[in-house]
């Protein structure tokens, strides 16, 4: 086309002709003012393929959904067995998820956490890993990962992790008002009682089991000591208000930090054989006003 012909043609016809010519010669790019033709709402020319918005991987999302945890308000006449049967779990699962209730009694108005299936709801503390949780509750790492929709193995302190099929391995889960009462700190056999031994006071209770057995806070409180403590070996001490203090000695490892607040039944350490010890066990002391008392006087 020469300039006289182009001048005689309507502008819209010229633009269409140029676009058509561009396609014919293999996708000629327009530059300058002609390339900046405005389109309403940034619309694309008809027939041009544009990148679609990435679609959410629905199947993957469904597979990795976090567990659905519900709550239940107890009504008059209900028992733990009734509630467990209603939601398809067992009483042990209810107790593990609700550490402030007793093993046989609930009251109208109590709010219970209901897990989606049998298992344990674990609150992550410093030092926890998926492998440690798997070992603690006797399940496979992959089951925990899938149940919580985890794409990686990162755990955040304070995070709630559902362990499907997990079982609490310490002796007694809790009692009503557990924040003000004590629970057994670990599972095992009593190997030495509180009292006189070898001419001096044995100021605590020795509970024997395998190295690595979980040790839990016997009562809610604040950690006031962690580390090596002479004959006690690796030790954790927890202050429970102004009156009581508990001590956990001969530990293999501990997972709490100085100044940390812990809940009743929260994992704090693992049983060991450190310090002056004749075999793997937990040395557990309860002190009232700074003076040791028989732990059996406060344990359920």
C-alpha atoms as a PDB file:
ATOM      1  CA  UNK A   1       0.000   0.000   0.000  1.00  0.00           C
ATOM      2  CA  UNK A   2       1.230   3.542  -0.745  1.00  0.00           C
ATOM      3  CA  UNK A   3       0.685   6.543   1.482  1.00  0.00           C
ATOM      4  CA  UNK A   4      -2.157   7.967  -0.661  1.00  0.00           C
ATOM      5  CA  UNK A   5      -4.182   4.751  -0.356  1.00  0.00           C
ATOM      6  CA  UNK A   6      -3.548   4.562   3.397  1.00  0.00           C
ATOM      7  CA  UNK A   7      -4.636   8.170   3.833  1.00  0.00           C
ATOM      8  CA  UNK A   8      -7.933   7.461   2.078  1.00  0.00           C
ATOM      9  CA  UNK A   9      -8.743   4.462   4.287  1.00  0.00           C
ATOM     10  CA  UNK A  10     -10.500   4.697   7.653  1.00  0.00           C
ATOM     11  CA  UNK A  11      -8.107   4.397  10.607  1.00  0.00           C
ATOM     12  CA  UNK A  12      -9.865   1.269  11.936  1.00  0.00           C
ATOM     13  CA  UNK A  13      -9.398  -0.523   8.595  1.00  0.00           C
ATOM     14  CA  UNK A  14      -5.712   0.354   8.549  1.00  0.00           C
ATOM     15  CA  UNK A  15      -5.208  -1.089  12.042  1.00  0.00           C
ATOM     16  CA  UNK A  16      -6.975  -4.340  11.149  1.00  0.00           C
ATOM     17  CA  UNK A  17      -4.957  -4.630   7.964  1.00  0.00           C
ATOM     18  CA  UNK A  18      -1.668  -4.112   9.784  1.00  0.00           C
ATOM     19  CA  UNK A  19      -2.592  -6.711  12.426  1.00  0.00           C
ATOM     20  CA  UNK A  20      -3.533  -9.224   9.755  1.00  0.00           C
ATOM     21  CA  UNK A  21      -0.274  -8.546   7.903  1.00  0.00           C
ATOM     22  CA  UNK A  22       1.641  -9.077  11.154  1.00  0.00           C
ATOM     23  CA  UNK A  23       0.112 -12.539  11.604  1.00  0.00           C
ATOM     24  CA  UNK A  24       0.835 -13.496   7.987  1.00  0.00           C
ATOM     25  CA  UNK A  25       4.546 -12.707   8.216  1.00  0.00           C
ATOM     26  CA  UNK A  26       5.018 -14.666  11.408  1.00  0.00           C
ATOM     27  CA  UNK A  27       4.052 -12.528  14.352  1.00  0.00           C
ATOM     28  CA  UNK A  28       5.492  -9.050  13.605  1.00  0.00           C
ATOM     29  CA  UNK A  29       5.571  -6.996  16.823  1.00  0.00           C
ATOM     30  CA  UNK A  30       4.019  -3.547  16.853  1.00  0.00           C
ATOM     31  CA  UNK A  31       6.128  -0.844  18.435  1.00  0.00           C
ATOM     32  CA  UNK A  32       5.443   2.782  19.163  1.00  0.00           C
ATOM     33  CA  UNK A  33       1.977   4.316  19.528  1.00  0.00           C
ATOM     34  CA  UNK A  34       0.175   1.594  17.552  1.00  0.00           C
ATOM     35  CA  UNK A  35       1.255  -1.052  20.085  1.00  0.00           C
ATOM     36  CA  UNK A  36      -0.286   0.884  22.951  1.00  0.00           C
ATOM     37  CA  UNK A  37      -3.891   0.527  21.810  1.00  0.00           C
ATOM     38  CA  UNK A  38      -6.028   0.748  24.945  1.00  0.00           C
ATOM     39  CA  UNK A  39      -8.545  -1.991  25.674  1.00  0.00           C
ATOM     40  CA  UNK A  40     -11.396  -1.658  28.121  1.00  0.00           C
ATOM     41  CA  UNK A  41     -10.591  -3.281  31.486  1.00  0.00           C
ATOM     42  CA  UNK A  42      -7.291  -4.580  30.100  1.00  0.00           C
ATOM     43  CA  UNK A  43      -9.169  -7.076  27.915  1.00  0.00           C
ATOM     44  CA  UNK A  44      -7.057  -9.328  25.699  1.00  0.00           C
ATOM     45  CA  UNK A  45      -7.660  -9.567  21.936  1.00  0.00           C
ATOM     46  CA  UNK A  46     -10.020 -12.418  21.091  1.00  0.00           C
ATOM     47  CA  UNK A  47      -8.305 -15.647  20.242  1.00  0.00           C
ATOM     48  CA  UNK A  48      -5.033 -14.947  22.085  1.00  0.00           C
ATOM     49  CA  UNK A  49      -4.063 -17.453  24.786  1.00  0.00           C
ATOM     50  CA  UNK A  50      -3.133 -15.829  28.098  1.00  0.00           C
ATOM     51  CA  UNK A  51      -1.684 -17.518  31.179  1.00  0.00           C
ATOM     52  CA  UNK A  52      -4.497 -18.676  33.442  1.00  0.00           C
ATOM     53  CA  UNK A  53      -4.509 -18.034  37.167  1.00  0.00           C
ATOM     54  CA  UNK A  54      -2.833 -21.016  38.847  1.00  0.00           C
ATOM     55  CA  UNK A  55      -5.438 -23.477  40.023  1.00  0.00           C
ATOM     56  CA  UNK A  56      -5.313 -24.678  43.625  1.00  0.00           C
ATOM     57  CA  UNK A  57      -4.314 -28.330  43.819  1.00  0.00           C
ATOM     58  CA  UNK A  58      -7.645 -29.444  45.234  1.00  0.00           C
ATOM     59  CA  UNK A  59      -6.718 -33.067  45.651  1.00  0.00           C
ATOM     60  CA  UNK A  60      -3.537 -32.184  47.505  1.00  0.00           C
ATOM     61  CA  UNK A  61      -5.352 -29.683  49.700  1.00  0.00           C
ATOM     62  CA  UNK A  62      -7.965 -32.245  50.674  1.00  0.00           C
ATOM     63  CA  UNK A  63      -5.293 -34.790  51.461  1.00  0.00           C
ATOM     64  CA  UNK A  64      -3.340 -32.388  53.682  1.00  0.00           C
ATOM     65  CA  UNK A  65      -6.110 -30.612  55.554  1.00  0.00           C
ATOM     66  CA  UNK A  66      -5.435 -29.954  59.222  1.00  0.00           C
ATOM     67  CA  UNK A  67      -7.503 -32.144  61.547  1.00  0.00           C
ATOM     68  CA  UNK A  68     -10.969 -30.868  62.425  1.00  0.00           C
ATOM     69  CA  UNK A  69     -10.997 -30.371  66.192  1.00  0.00           C
ATOM     70  CA  UNK A  70     -14.352 -29.612  67.785  1.00  0.00           C
ATOM     71  CA  UNK A  71     -15.643 -28.701  71.233  1.00  0.00           C
ATOM     72  CA  UNK A  72     -18.480 -30.222  73.215  1.00  0.00           C
ATOM     73  CA  UNK A  73     -20.378 -28.658  76.104  1.00  0.00           C
ATOM     74  CA  UNK A  74     -21.362 -31.246  78.686  1.00  0.00           C
ATOM     75  CA  UNK A  75     -25.052 -31.412  79.583  1.00  0.00           C
ATOM     76  CA  UNK A  76     -26.649 -32.914  82.667  1.00  0.00           C
ATOM     77  CA  UNK A  77     -26.541 -36.702  82.745  1.00  0.00           C
ATOM     78  CA  UNK A  78     -23.672 -37.149  80.283  1.00  0.00           C
ATOM     79  CA  UNK A  79     -20.641 -39.271  81.108  1.00  0.00           C
ATOM     80  CA  UNK A  80     -17.236 -39.488  79.465  1.00  0.00           C
ATOM     81  CA  UNK A  81     -18.225 -42.837  77.980  1.00  0.00           C
ATOM     82  CA  UNK A  82     -21.372 -41.320  76.456  1.00  0.00           C
ATOM     83  CA  UNK A  83     -19.423 -38.465  74.889  1.00  0.00           C
ATOM     84  CA  UNK A  84     -16.655 -40.733  73.612  1.00  0.00           C
ATOM     85  CA  UNK A  85     -19.190 -43.044  71.948  1.00  0.00           C
ATOM     86  CA  UNK A  86     -21.014 -40.105  70.366  1.00  0.00           C
ATOM     87  CA  UNK A  87     -17.867 -38.890  68.621  1.00  0.00           C
ATOM     88  CA  UNK A  88     -16.351 -42.277  67.824  1.00  0.00           C
ATOM     89  CA  UNK A  89     -13.310 -42.009  70.090  1.00  0.00           C
ATOM     90  CA  UNK A  90     -12.325 -43.694  73.341  1.00  0.00           C
ATOM     91  CA  UNK A  91     -12.246 -42.292  76.867  1.00  0.00           C
ATOM     92  CA  UNK A  92      -8.442 -42.245  76.870  1.00  0.00           C
ATOM     93  CA  UNK A  93      -8.488 -39.916  73.858  1.00  0.00           C
ATOM     94  CA  UNK A  94     -10.889 -37.569  75.663  1.00  0.00           C
ATOM     95  CA  UNK A  95      -8.685 -37.536  78.752  1.00  0.00           C
ATOM     96  CA  UNK A  96      -5.523 -36.883  76.750  1.00  0.00           C
ATOM     97  CA  UNK A  97      -7.160 -33.922  74.976  1.00  0.00           C
ATOM     98  CA  UNK A  98      -8.700 -32.535  78.171  1.00  0.00           C
ATOM     99  CA  UNK A  99      -6.108 -32.737  80.959  1.00  0.00           C
ATOM    100  CA  UNK A 100      -8.184 -30.720  83.422  1.00  0.00           C
ATOM    101  CA  UNK A 101     -10.948 -33.292  83.835  1.00  0.00           C
ATOM    102  CA  UNK A 102     -10.950 -36.348  86.060  1.00  0.00           C
ATOM    103  CA  UNK A 103     -10.937 -39.891  84.781  1.00  0.00           C
ATOM    104  CA  UNK A 104     -14.561 -40.574  85.649  1.00  0.00           C
ATOM    105  CA  UNK A 105     -16.493 -37.351  86.156  1.00  0.00           C
ATOM    106  CA  UNK A 106     -17.591 -34.399  84.051  1.00  0.00           C
ATOM    107  CA  UNK A 107     -20.002 -31.651  84.998  1.00  0.00           C
ATOM    108  CA  UNK A 108     -22.667 -29.713  83.076  1.00  0.00           C
ATOM    109  CA  UNK A 109     -21.051 -26.745  81.373  1.00  0.00           C
ATOM    110  CA  UNK A 110     -17.612 -28.346  81.016  1.00  0.00           C
ATOM    111  CA  UNK A 111     -16.080 -27.599  77.603  1.00  0.00           C
ATOM    112  CA  UNK A 112     -14.349 -30.634  76.114  1.00  0.00           C
ATOM    113  CA  UNK A 113     -11.967 -30.713  73.164  1.00  0.00           C
ATOM    114  CA  UNK A 114     -13.046 -33.439  70.724  1.00  0.00           C
ATOM    115  CA  UNK A 115     -10.386 -34.926  68.457  1.00  0.00           C
ATOM    116  CA  UNK A 116     -11.392 -36.266  65.011  1.00  0.00           C
ATOM    117  CA  UNK A 117     -10.304 -39.813  65.886  1.00  0.00           C
ATOM    118  CA  UNK A 118      -8.420 -41.763  68.513  1.00  0.00           C
ATOM    119  CA  UNK A 119      -5.154 -40.070  69.313  1.00  0.00           C
ATOM    120  CA  UNK A 120      -3.434 -37.304  71.244  1.00  0.00           C
ATOM    121  CA  UNK A 121      -3.362 -33.515  70.864  1.00  0.00           C
ATOM    122  CA  UNK A 122       0.211 -32.475  71.651  1.00  0.00           C
ATOM    123  CA  UNK A 123       1.357 -28.938  72.454  1.00  0.00           C
ATOM    124  CA  UNK A 124       4.803 -28.389  70.937  1.00  0.00           C
ATOM    125  CA  UNK A 125       7.581 -27.322  73.300  1.00  0.00           C
ATOM    126  CA  UNK A 126      11.146 -26.273  72.589  1.00  0.00           C
ATOM    127  CA  UNK A 127      13.137 -29.244  71.300  1.00  0.00           C
ATOM    128  CA  UNK A 128      10.180 -31.211  69.920  1.00  0.00           C
ATOM    129  CA  UNK A 129      10.535 -32.840  66.504  1.00  0.00           C
ATOM    130  CA  UNK A 130       8.219 -35.073  64.509  1.00  0.00           C
ATOM    131  CA  UNK A 131      10.540 -37.983  65.240  1.00  0.00           C
ATOM    132  CA  UNK A 132      10.427 -37.273  68.973  1.00  0.00           C
ATOM    133  CA  UNK A 133       6.619 -37.145  68.902  1.00  0.00           C
ATOM    134  CA  UNK A 134       6.501 -40.377  66.913  1.00  0.00           C
ATOM    135  CA  UNK A 135       8.686 -42.088  69.503  1.00  0.00           C
ATOM    136  CA  UNK A 136       6.811 -40.539  72.417  1.00  0.00           C
ATOM    137  CA  UNK A 137       3.384 -41.688  71.258  1.00  0.00           C
ATOM    138  CA  UNK A 138       4.335 -44.850  69.357  1.00  0.00           C
ATOM    139  CA  UNK A 139       3.254 -43.908  65.823  1.00  0.00           C
ATOM    140  CA  UNK A 140       4.950 -43.388  62.465  1.00  0.00           C
ATOM    141  CA  UNK A 141       6.277 -39.956  61.523  1.00  0.00           C
ATOM    142  CA  UNK A 142       4.398 -40.014  58.212  1.00  0.00           C
ATOM    143  CA  UNK A 143       1.054 -40.478  59.997  1.00  0.00           C
ATOM    144  CA  UNK A 144       1.652 -37.335  62.046  1.00  0.00           C
ATOM    145  CA  UNK A 145       2.803 -35.408  58.990  1.00  0.00           C
ATOM    146  CA  UNK A 146      -0.255 -36.364  56.909  1.00  0.00           C
ATOM    147  CA  UNK A 147      -2.768 -35.869  59.736  1.00  0.00           C
ATOM    148  CA  UNK A 148      -1.611 -32.280  60.207  1.00  0.00           C
ATOM    149  CA  UNK A 149      -1.177 -31.349  56.539  1.00  0.00           C
ATOM    150  CA  UNK A 150       2.517 -30.705  56.954  1.00  0.00           C
ATOM    151  CA  UNK A 151       4.562 -30.080  53.821  1.00  0.00           C
ATOM    152  CA  UNK A 152       7.743 -29.920  55.919  1.00  0.00           C
ATOM    153  CA  UNK A 153       8.931 -30.983  59.357  1.00  0.00           C
ATOM    154  CA  UNK A 154       8.913 -27.538  61.003  1.00  0.00           C
ATOM    155  CA  UNK A 155       7.232 -27.355  64.423  1.00  0.00           C
ATOM    156  CA  UNK A 156       6.513 -24.062  66.179  1.00  0.00           C
ATOM    157  CA  UNK A 157       6.588 -23.800  69.963  1.00  0.00           C
ATOM    158  CA  UNK A 158       2.993 -23.689  71.181  1.00  0.00           C
ATOM    159  CA  UNK A 159       1.637 -25.364  68.044  1.00  0.00           C
ATOM    160  CA  UNK A 160      -1.043 -28.024  68.528  1.00  0.00           C
ATOM    161  CA  UNK A 161      -0.170 -31.264  66.737  1.00  0.00           C
ATOM    162  CA  UNK A 162      -2.668 -34.109  66.411  1.00  0.00           C
ATOM    163  CA  UNK A 163      -1.083 -37.554  66.733  1.00  0.00           C
ATOM    164  CA  UNK A 164      -3.511 -40.114  65.237  1.00  0.00           C
ATOM    165  CA  UNK A 165      -3.477 -43.384  67.136  1.00  0.00           C
ATOM    166  CA  UNK A 166      -1.091 -41.953  69.726  1.00  0.00           C
ATOM    167  CA  UNK A 167      -1.369 -43.051  73.321  1.00  0.00           C
ATOM    168  CA  UNK A 168      -0.351 -41.125  76.422  1.00  0.00           C
ATOM    169  CA  UNK A 169       2.397 -43.111  78.103  1.00  0.00           C
ATOM    170  CA  UNK A 170       2.488 -41.617  81.567  1.00  0.00           C
ATOM    171  CA  UNK A 171       0.612 -43.182  84.425  1.00  0.00           C
ATOM    172  CA  UNK A 172      -2.236 -40.813  85.233  1.00  0.00           C
ATOM    173  CA  UNK A 173      -3.495 -38.196  82.822  1.00  0.00           C
ATOM    174  CA  UNK A 174      -4.741 -35.558  85.245  1.00  0.00           C
ATOM    175  CA  UNK A 175      -7.302 -34.681  87.873  1.00  0.00           C
ATOM    176  CA  UNK A 176      -9.965 -32.006  87.998  1.00  0.00           C
ATOM    177  CA  UNK A 177      -8.349 -28.716  88.847  1.00  0.00           C
ATOM    178  CA  UNK A 178      -5.012 -30.115  87.704  1.00  0.00           C
ATOM    179  CA  UNK A 179      -3.500 -26.646  87.799  1.00  0.00           C
ATOM    180  CA  UNK A 180      -3.696 -26.858  91.617  1.00  0.00           C
ATOM    181  CA  UNK A 181      -3.076 -30.580  92.121  1.00  0.00           C
ATOM    182  CA  UNK A 182      -0.361 -32.998  91.147  1.00  0.00           C
ATOM    183  CA  UNK A 183      -0.130 -35.841  88.661  1.00  0.00           C
ATOM    184  CA  UNK A 184       2.438 -38.597  88.318  1.00  0.00           C
ATOM    185  CA  UNK A 185       5.378 -37.199  86.350  1.00  0.00           C
ATOM    186  CA  UNK A 186       6.291 -40.388  84.536  1.00  0.00           C
ATOM    187  CA  UNK A 187       5.510 -44.052  84.063  1.00  0.00           C
ATOM    188  CA  UNK A 188       7.434 -46.881  85.679  1.00  0.00           C
ATOM    189  CA  UNK A 189       8.028 -48.766  88.913  1.00  0.00           C
ATOM    190  CA  UNK A 190       8.840 -47.150  92.249  1.00  0.00           C
ATOM    191  CA  UNK A 191      12.382 -48.254  93.061  1.00  0.00           C
ATOM    192  CA  UNK A 192      12.943 -46.150  96.172  1.00  0.00           C
ATOM    193  CA  UNK A 193      10.567 -44.379  98.537  1.00  0.00           C
ATOM    194  CA  UNK A 194      10.841 -41.087 100.398  1.00  0.00           C
ATOM    195  CA  UNK A 195      12.505 -41.461 103.815  1.00  0.00           C
ATOM    196  CA  UNK A 196      15.684 -42.442 105.586  1.00  0.00           C
ATOM    197  CA  UNK A 197      18.154 -44.400 103.474  1.00  0.00           C
ATOM    198  CA  UNK A 198      21.757 -45.270 104.267  1.00  0.00           C
ATOM    199  CA  UNK A 199      21.703 -43.006 107.297  1.00  0.00           C
ATOM    200  CA  UNK A 200      20.315 -39.905 105.582  1.00  0.00           C
ATOM    201  CA  UNK A 201      17.066 -38.607 104.145  1.00  0.00           C
ATOM    202  CA  UNK A 202      16.182 -39.729 100.640  1.00  0.00           C
ATOM    203  CA  UNK A 203      14.201 -36.601  99.827  1.00  0.00           C
ATOM    204  CA  UNK A 204      12.208 -37.886  96.872  1.00  0.00           C
ATOM    205  CA  UNK A 205      10.611 -40.755  95.025  1.00  0.00           C
ATOM    206  CA  UNK A 206      12.566 -42.831  92.510  1.00  0.00           C
ATOM    207  CA  UNK A 207      10.608 -44.140  89.517  1.00  0.00           C
ATOM    208  CA  UNK A 208      12.515 -46.596  87.321  1.00  0.00           C
ATOM    209  CA  UNK A 209      12.009 -47.182  83.606  1.00  0.00           C
ATOM    210  CA  UNK A 210      13.983 -47.115  80.359  1.00  0.00           C
ATOM    211  CA  UNK A 211      16.242 -44.244  79.360  1.00  0.00           C
ATOM    212  CA  UNK A 212      14.185 -41.894  77.196  1.00  0.00           C
ATOM    213  CA  UNK A 213      10.887 -42.455  79.020  1.00  0.00           C
ATOM    214  CA  UNK A 214       8.940 -39.144  78.902  1.00  0.00           C
ATOM    215  CA  UNK A 215       8.922 -36.986  82.034  1.00  0.00           C
ATOM    216  CA  UNK A 216       6.092 -34.480  82.474  1.00  0.00           C
ATOM    217  CA  UNK A 217       5.347 -31.530  84.713  1.00  0.00           C
ATOM    218  CA  UNK A 218       3.557 -32.829  87.796  1.00  0.00           C
ATOM    219  CA  UNK A 219       1.777 -29.505  88.111  1.00  0.00           C
ATOM    220  CA  UNK A 220       1.539 -26.248  86.163  1.00  0.00           C
ATOM    221  CA  UNK A 221       4.220 -23.703  86.951  1.00  0.00           C
ATOM    222  CA  UNK A 222       7.374 -21.853  85.925  1.00  0.00           C
ATOM    223  CA  UNK A 223      10.731 -23.479  85.207  1.00  0.00           C
ATOM    224  CA  UNK A 224      13.290 -22.087  87.668  1.00  0.00           C
ATOM    225  CA  UNK A 225      16.261 -24.361  86.931  1.00  0.00           C
ATOM    226  CA  UNK A 226      17.583 -26.425  84.028  1.00  0.00           C
ATOM    227  CA  UNK A 227      21.012 -27.978  83.756  1.00  0.00           C
ATOM    228  CA  UNK A 228      23.554 -29.987  85.700  1.00  0.00           C
ATOM    229  CA  UNK A 229      22.966 -30.125  89.479  1.00  0.00           C
ATOM    230  CA  UNK A 230      25.721 -32.181  91.106  1.00  0.00           C
ATOM    231  CA  UNK A 231      24.593 -35.648  92.157  1.00  0.00           C
ATOM    232  CA  UNK A 232      21.176 -35.051  90.603  1.00  0.00           C
ATOM    233  CA  UNK A 233      22.761 -34.971  87.133  1.00  0.00           C
ATOM    234  CA  UNK A 234      20.720 -33.144  84.527  1.00  0.00           C
ATOM    235  CA  UNK A 235      17.818 -31.596  86.406  1.00  0.00           C
ATOM    236  CA  UNK A 236      14.681 -29.509  85.911  1.00  0.00           C
ATOM    237  CA  UNK A 237      13.001 -27.605  88.733  1.00  0.00           C
ATOM    238  CA  UNK A 238       9.529 -26.055  88.521  1.00  0.00           C
ATOM    239  CA  UNK A 239       7.994 -23.485  90.848  1.00  0.00           C
ATOM    240  CA  UNK A 240       4.254 -23.884  91.466  1.00  0.00           C
ATOM    241  CA  UNK A 241       3.180 -20.606  93.020  1.00  0.00           C
ATOM    242  CA  UNK A 242       4.628 -19.507  96.344  1.00  0.00           C
ATOM    243  CA  UNK A 243       4.213 -22.821  98.164  1.00  0.00           C
ATOM    244  CA  UNK A 244       5.442 -25.782  96.112  1.00  0.00           C
ATOM    245  CA  UNK A 245       8.468 -26.652  94.001  1.00  0.00           C
ATOM    246  CA  UNK A 246       9.153 -29.918  92.167  1.00  0.00           C
ATOM    247  CA  UNK A 247      12.505 -31.357  91.127  1.00  0.00           C
ATOM    248  CA  UNK A 248      13.180 -33.896  88.360  1.00  0.00           C
ATOM    249  CA  UNK A 249      16.650 -35.435  88.494  1.00  0.00           C
ATOM    250  CA  UNK A 250      18.969 -37.885  86.658  1.00  0.00           C
ATOM    251  CA  UNK A 251      17.543 -36.799  83.282  1.00  0.00           C
ATOM    252  CA  UNK A 252      18.955 -37.834  79.921  1.00  0.00           C
ATOM    253  CA  UNK A 253      17.718 -34.629  78.285  1.00  0.00           C
ATOM    254  CA  UNK A 254      15.267 -31.796  78.912  1.00  0.00           C
ATOM    255  CA  UNK A 255      13.108 -29.792  76.504  1.00  0.00           C
ATOM    256  CA  UNK A 256      12.165 -26.712  78.545  1.00  0.00           C
ATOM    257  CA  UNK A 257      14.001 -23.451  79.139  1.00  0.00           C
ATOM    258  CA  UNK A 258      14.608 -21.295  82.181  1.00  0.00           C
ATOM    259  CA  UNK A 259      11.613 -19.070  82.875  1.00  0.00           C
ATOM    260  CA  UNK A 260       9.238 -21.057  80.663  1.00  0.00           C
ATOM    261  CA  UNK A 261       5.702 -21.629  81.924  1.00  0.00           C
ATOM    262  CA  UNK A 262       4.463 -25.204  81.610  1.00  0.00           C
ATOM    263  CA  UNK A 263       1.093 -26.866  81.907  1.00  0.00           C
ATOM    264  CA  UNK A 264       0.240 -29.852  84.064  1.00  0.00           C
ATOM    265  CA  UNK A 265       1.257 -32.964  82.127  1.00  0.00           C
ATOM    266  CA  UNK A 266       3.413 -31.086  79.612  1.00  0.00           C
ATOM    267  CA  UNK A 267       6.526 -32.890  78.399  1.00  0.00           C
ATOM    268  CA  UNK A 268       9.589 -31.411  80.092  1.00  0.00           C
ATOM    269  CA  UNK A 269      12.322 -34.052  79.859  1.00  0.00           C
ATOM    270  CA  UNK A 270      13.377 -37.652  79.273  1.00  0.00           C
ATOM    271  CA  UNK A 271      14.404 -40.144  81.920  1.00  0.00           C
ATOM    272  CA  UNK A 272      18.105 -40.886  82.164  1.00  0.00           C
ATOM    273  CA  UNK A 273      20.950 -42.131  84.333  1.00  0.00           C
ATOM    274  CA  UNK A 274      23.033 -38.989  84.906  1.00  0.00           C
ATOM    275  CA  UNK A 275      24.688 -37.819  88.115  1.00  0.00           C
ATOM    276  CA  UNK A 276      24.929 -40.111  91.127  1.00  0.00           C
ATOM    277  CA  UNK A 277      22.584 -42.819  89.895  1.00  0.00           C
ATOM    278  CA  UNK A 278      22.506 -46.607  90.164  1.00  0.00           C
ATOM    279  CA  UNK A 279      20.385 -47.122  87.040  1.00  0.00           C
ATOM    280  CA  UNK A 280      17.883 -45.409  84.728  1.00  0.00           C
ATOM    281  CA  UNK A 281      15.211 -43.689  86.790  1.00  0.00           C
ATOM    282  CA  UNK A 282      13.580 -40.368  87.646  1.00  0.00           C
ATOM    283  CA  UNK A 283      14.306 -38.854  91.036  1.00  0.00           C
ATOM    284  CA  UNK A 284      11.200 -36.805  91.819  1.00  0.00           C
ATOM    285  CA  UNK A 285      11.011 -34.370  94.717  1.00  0.00           C
ATOM    286  CA  UNK A 286       8.195 -32.200  96.027  1.00  0.00           C
ATOM    287  CA  UNK A 287       9.203 -29.303  98.252  1.00  0.00           C
ATOM    288  CA  UNK A 288       6.770 -27.262 100.321  1.00  0.00           C
ATOM    289  CA  UNK A 289       8.073 -23.971 101.626  1.00  0.00           C
ATOM    290  CA  UNK A 290      11.526 -25.124 100.601  1.00  0.00           C
ATOM    291  CA  UNK A 291      11.336 -28.339 102.651  1.00  0.00           C
ATOM    292  CA  UNK A 292      11.012 -31.801 101.042  1.00  0.00           C
ATOM    293  CA  UNK A 293       7.741 -33.644 101.621  1.00  0.00           C
ATOM    294  CA  UNK A 294       6.732 -37.165 100.683  1.00  0.00           C
ATOM    295  CA  UNK A 295       5.541 -37.004  97.034  1.00  0.00           C
ATOM    296  CA  UNK A 296       2.993 -39.727  97.788  1.00  0.00           C
ATOM    297  CA  UNK A 297       1.206 -37.257 100.070  1.00  0.00           C
ATOM    298  CA  UNK A 298       0.257 -35.072  97.098  1.00  0.00           C
ATOM    299  CA  UNK A 299       0.092 -37.540  94.193  1.00  0.00           C
ATOM    300  CA  UNK A 300      -3.307 -39.033  93.276  1.00  0.00           C
END
